[in-house]
Amino acid sequence: MRGELAELLTALAEASRTVGSPQIRNRGTIGGNLGTASPAGDALPPLVVEGAEVECASVRGTRRVPLTDFVTGVKRNALAPDELITAVLLRASGAPQTFMKIGPRNAMVIAVVSLAVSAGDELRASFGSASPRPVLVTAPRDDASSFAERVAAAAAPIDDVRGTERYRRHALRVLTERALKRVLA
C-alpha cells in the first residue's frame, strides 16, 4: 500500500507490510483477508477502527454490512452462498493511528496478537488473534490511562500453540500502551 491511501490509512498500510512474503502481498487482497474471516486477519483491526463496511453483491443486489457484523465467528462470515465481496467502504477519519503485532517474527507470521489504535475525537482500538470476531473498544480521548486495561478486558483469547490466554491479554495491554504513546505524541 503506497502513496495517498497509505497516508490516509496508516494502520492498514502498517498491517499490509507484515502480511506474508512479498509474493503473497503482491497477490493477496483485502477482500480475501476479510472473506477468510480468520481472527488473525491483519487487515481486520485497522479497518474496524475506521468503521469499515463490507459491500456484498449477488444477482439479487448489493448490501452493506459493518465489518464487526460481517465476521460472525472463526472462519465464518455473513456472505450468502451466492454473494461476493465487491468493496470495502470507509471514510478515513484522518486520526493518528498505528498497527502493531506480536509473533515469532514481525512479518510473514500469524500474529499471536495484533492491535490497531486510533486517536481522533475518541480512542478506538481493535485487535486480532484475541477474539473469534472483530471487537471495537472506544473511550473518551482523555481516558487514556485506563484504555489498555479496557482493551485487554474486551478480548476473549484462547490458549493455543502460539500463546496462552493470559499472555495474549498481557500483550494487548503492553501493545495498547505503546500504541497510545505513538498516536498521542
Protein backbone atom coordinates (compact mmCIF):
# COMPACT_ATOMS: atom_id res chain seq x y z
CA MET A 1 0.00 0.00 0.00
CA ARG A 2 1.58 3.24 -1.15
CA GLY A 3 1.01 6.90 -1.60
CA GLU A 4 -2.13 8.76 -0.70
CA LEU A 5 -4.02 5.72 0.58
CA ALA A 6 -1.17 4.79 2.93
CA GLU A 7 -1.19 8.36 4.28
CA LEU A 8 -4.94 8.21 4.94
CA LEU A 9 -4.96 4.72 6.45
CA THR A 10 -1.63 4.47 8.25
CA ALA A 11 -2.56 1.45 10.38
CA LEU A 12 -3.76 -0.51 7.34
CA ALA A 13 -0.54 0.33 5.50
CA GLU A 14 1.49 -0.83 8.51
CA ALA A 15 -0.52 -4.06 8.71
CA SER A 16 -0.15 -4.67 4.97
CA ARG A 17 3.63 -4.61 5.29
CA THR A 18 3.52 -7.51 7.78
CA VAL A 19 1.37 -9.91 5.74
CA GLY A 20 3.19 -12.91 4.32
CA SER A 21 6.00 -12.87 1.81
CA PRO A 22 6.35 -10.24 -0.93
CA GLN A 23 4.70 -12.70 -3.35
CA ILE A 24 1.64 -13.02 -1.11
CA ARG A 25 1.47 -9.27 -0.53
CA ASN A 26 1.50 -8.68 -4.29
CA ARG A 27 -1.32 -11.18 -4.96
CA GLY A 28 -3.44 -11.08 -1.82
CA THR A 29 -6.45 -8.83 -1.43
CA ILE A 30 -8.24 -7.16 1.43
CA GLY A 31 -11.40 -8.94 0.30
CA GLY A 32 -9.61 -12.27 0.61
CA ASN A 33 -8.35 -11.34 4.08
CA LEU A 34 -11.91 -10.47 5.14
CA GLY A 35 -13.57 -13.39 3.38
CA THR A 36 -11.49 -15.97 5.23
CA ALA A 37 -12.80 -14.45 8.49
CA SER A 38 -9.70 -15.54 10.36
CA PRO A 39 -9.39 -13.91 13.79
CA ALA A 40 -5.72 -13.37 12.86
CA GLY A 41 -6.50 -11.41 9.68
CA ASP A 42 -4.15 -8.43 9.80
CA ALA A 43 -6.49 -6.14 7.81
CA LEU A 44 -9.37 -6.51 10.27
CA PRO A 45 -8.19 -4.35 13.22
CA PRO A 46 -7.21 -1.30 11.10
CA LEU A 47 -10.47 -1.48 9.15
CA VAL A 48 -12.56 -1.88 12.31
CA VAL A 49 -11.09 1.25 13.94
CA GLU A 50 -12.07 3.16 10.79
CA GLY A 51 -15.66 1.84 10.84
CA ALA A 52 -15.38 -0.12 7.58
CA GLU A 53 -18.36 -1.72 5.87
CA VAL A 54 -18.21 -4.69 3.52
CA GLU A 55 -20.22 -4.46 0.32
CA CYS A 56 -21.70 -7.83 -0.60
CA ALA A 57 -23.29 -8.41 -4.03
CA SER A 58 -25.22 -11.08 -5.90
CA VAL A 59 -27.72 -11.15 -8.73
CA ARG A 60 -30.27 -10.09 -6.09
CA GLY A 61 -28.47 -6.78 -5.48
CA THR A 62 -25.94 -5.31 -3.07
CA ARG A 63 -25.92 -4.73 0.66
CA ARG A 64 -23.51 -3.18 3.13
CA VAL A 65 -22.53 -4.95 6.34
CA PRO A 66 -20.46 -3.33 9.10
CA LEU A 67 -17.19 -5.25 9.37
CA THR A 68 -17.92 -6.02 13.03
CA ASP A 69 -21.07 -7.86 11.85
CA PHE A 70 -19.56 -9.32 8.68
CA VAL A 71 -17.25 -11.69 10.58
CA THR A 72 -19.67 -13.92 12.51
CA GLY A 73 -17.15 -16.30 14.07
CA VAL A 74 -13.90 -18.14 13.45
CA LYS A 75 -13.70 -18.58 9.66
CA ARG A 76 -17.40 -17.67 9.31
CA ASN A 77 -18.80 -14.60 7.63
CA ALA A 78 -22.14 -13.06 6.69
CA LEU A 79 -21.87 -13.77 2.96
CA ALA A 80 -24.83 -15.62 1.47
CA PRO A 81 -23.87 -18.60 -0.74
CA ASP A 82 -24.39 -16.53 -3.90
CA GLU A 83 -22.62 -13.36 -2.74
CA LEU A 84 -19.17 -11.92 -3.35
CA ILE A 85 -17.28 -9.13 -1.62
CA THR A 86 -17.25 -6.26 -4.10
CA ALA A 87 -15.91 -3.42 -1.95
CA VAL A 88 -14.72 -2.33 1.45
CA LEU A 89 -16.11 1.09 2.24
CA LEU A 90 -14.99 3.60 4.84
CA ARG A 91 -14.48 7.27 5.37
CA ALA A 92 -10.91 7.84 6.52
CA SER A 93 -11.03 9.59 9.89
CA GLY A 94 -7.69 11.34 9.50
CA ALA A 95 -6.96 10.42 13.12
CA PRO A 96 -3.44 9.41 14.11
CA GLN A 97 -3.33 5.61 14.03
CA THR A 98 -0.97 2.69 14.25
CA PHE A 99 -0.85 -1.11 13.93
CA MET A 100 1.33 -3.49 15.92
CA LYS A 101 1.58 -7.23 16.21
CA ILE A 102 3.47 -9.82 18.17
CA GLY A 103 4.74 -13.02 16.61
CA PRO A 104 7.95 -15.01 16.29
CA ARG A 105 8.85 -12.51 13.56
CA ASN A 106 7.02 -9.28 12.78
CA ALA A 107 6.35 -10.22 9.16
CA MET A 108 5.33 -13.46 7.48
CA VAL A 109 3.73 -14.98 10.58
CA ILE A 110 0.28 -15.39 12.02
CA ALA A 111 0.09 -12.94 14.89
CA VAL A 112 -0.01 -14.15 18.47
CA VAL A 113 -1.92 -10.89 18.90
CA SER A 114 -2.28 -7.74 16.81
CA LEU A 115 -3.70 -4.31 17.52
CA ALA A 116 -4.81 -1.17 15.70
CA VAL A 117 -5.35 2.06 17.66
CA SER A 118 -6.55 5.47 16.52
CA ALA A 119 -6.86 8.70 18.48
CA GLY A 120 -9.30 11.12 16.93
CA ASP A 121 -12.17 12.63 18.89
CA GLU A 122 -12.18 9.34 20.82
CA LEU A 123 -9.74 6.49 21.35
CA ARG A 124 -10.54 3.45 19.20
CA ALA A 125 -8.88 0.03 19.28
CA SER A 126 -9.42 -3.34 17.68
CA PHE A 127 -7.33 -6.46 17.98
CA GLY A 128 -6.62 -9.70 16.15
CA SER A 129 -5.95 -13.24 17.36
CA ALA A 130 -7.67 -12.50 20.67
CA SER A 131 -11.38 -12.94 19.88
CA PRO A 132 -13.46 -15.03 17.46
CA ARG A 133 -14.95 -11.84 15.96
CA PRO A 134 -13.73 -8.27 15.49
CA VAL A 135 -14.22 -6.08 18.56
CA LEU A 136 -14.14 -2.30 18.72
CA VAL A 137 -13.16 -0.71 22.03
CA THR A 138 -13.75 3.01 22.44
CA ALA A 139 -13.13 5.57 25.17
CA PRO A 140 -13.01 9.33 25.53
CA ARG A 141 -9.66 10.70 24.42
CA ASP A 142 -8.95 11.97 27.94
CA ASP A 143 -9.39 8.44 29.38
CA ALA A 144 -6.09 7.05 28.04
CA SER A 145 -4.90 5.93 31.47
CA SER A 146 -7.37 3.04 31.68
CA PHE A 147 -7.65 2.30 27.95
CA ALA A 148 -5.09 -0.52 27.88
CA GLU A 149 -6.98 -2.37 30.60
CA ARG A 150 -10.29 -1.88 28.75
CA VAL A 151 -8.80 -3.31 25.57
CA ALA A 152 -7.44 -6.37 27.39
CA ALA A 153 -10.76 -6.89 29.17
CA ALA A 154 -12.68 -6.81 25.87
CA ALA A 155 -10.63 -9.70 24.47
CA ALA A 156 -11.75 -13.32 24.50
CA PRO A 157 -8.46 -15.09 23.72
CA ILE A 158 -7.82 -18.81 23.72
CA ASP A 159 -4.84 -20.97 24.62
CA ASP A 160 -3.18 -22.47 21.54
CA VAL A 161 0.29 -23.32 20.23
CA ARG A 162 1.07 -19.65 19.58
CA GLY A 163 0.22 -18.33 23.04
CA THR A 164 -1.88 -18.61 26.15
CA GLU A 165 -4.96 -16.60 27.04
CA ARG A 166 -3.02 -14.94 29.85
CA TYR A 167 -0.10 -14.00 27.57
CA ARG A 168 -2.42 -12.55 24.93
CA ARG A 169 -4.20 -10.31 27.45
CA HIS A 170 -0.84 -9.12 28.80
CA ALA A 171 0.42 -8.49 25.26
CA LEU A 172 -2.70 -6.45 24.46
CA ARG A 173 -2.10 -4.25 27.50
CA VAL A 174 1.52 -3.66 26.52
CA LEU A 175 0.74 -3.06 22.83
CA THR A 176 -2.07 -0.65 23.71
CA GLU A 177 0.21 1.37 25.97
CA ARG A 178 2.85 1.53 23.23
CA ALA A 179 0.29 2.38 20.56
CA LEU A 180 -1.15 5.18 22.67
CA LYS A 181 2.30 6.71 23.03
CA ARG A 182 2.62 6.75 19.24
CA VAL A 183 -0.80 8.15 18.40
CA LEU A 184 -0.98 10.70 21.22
CA ALA A 185 2.57 12.03 20.68
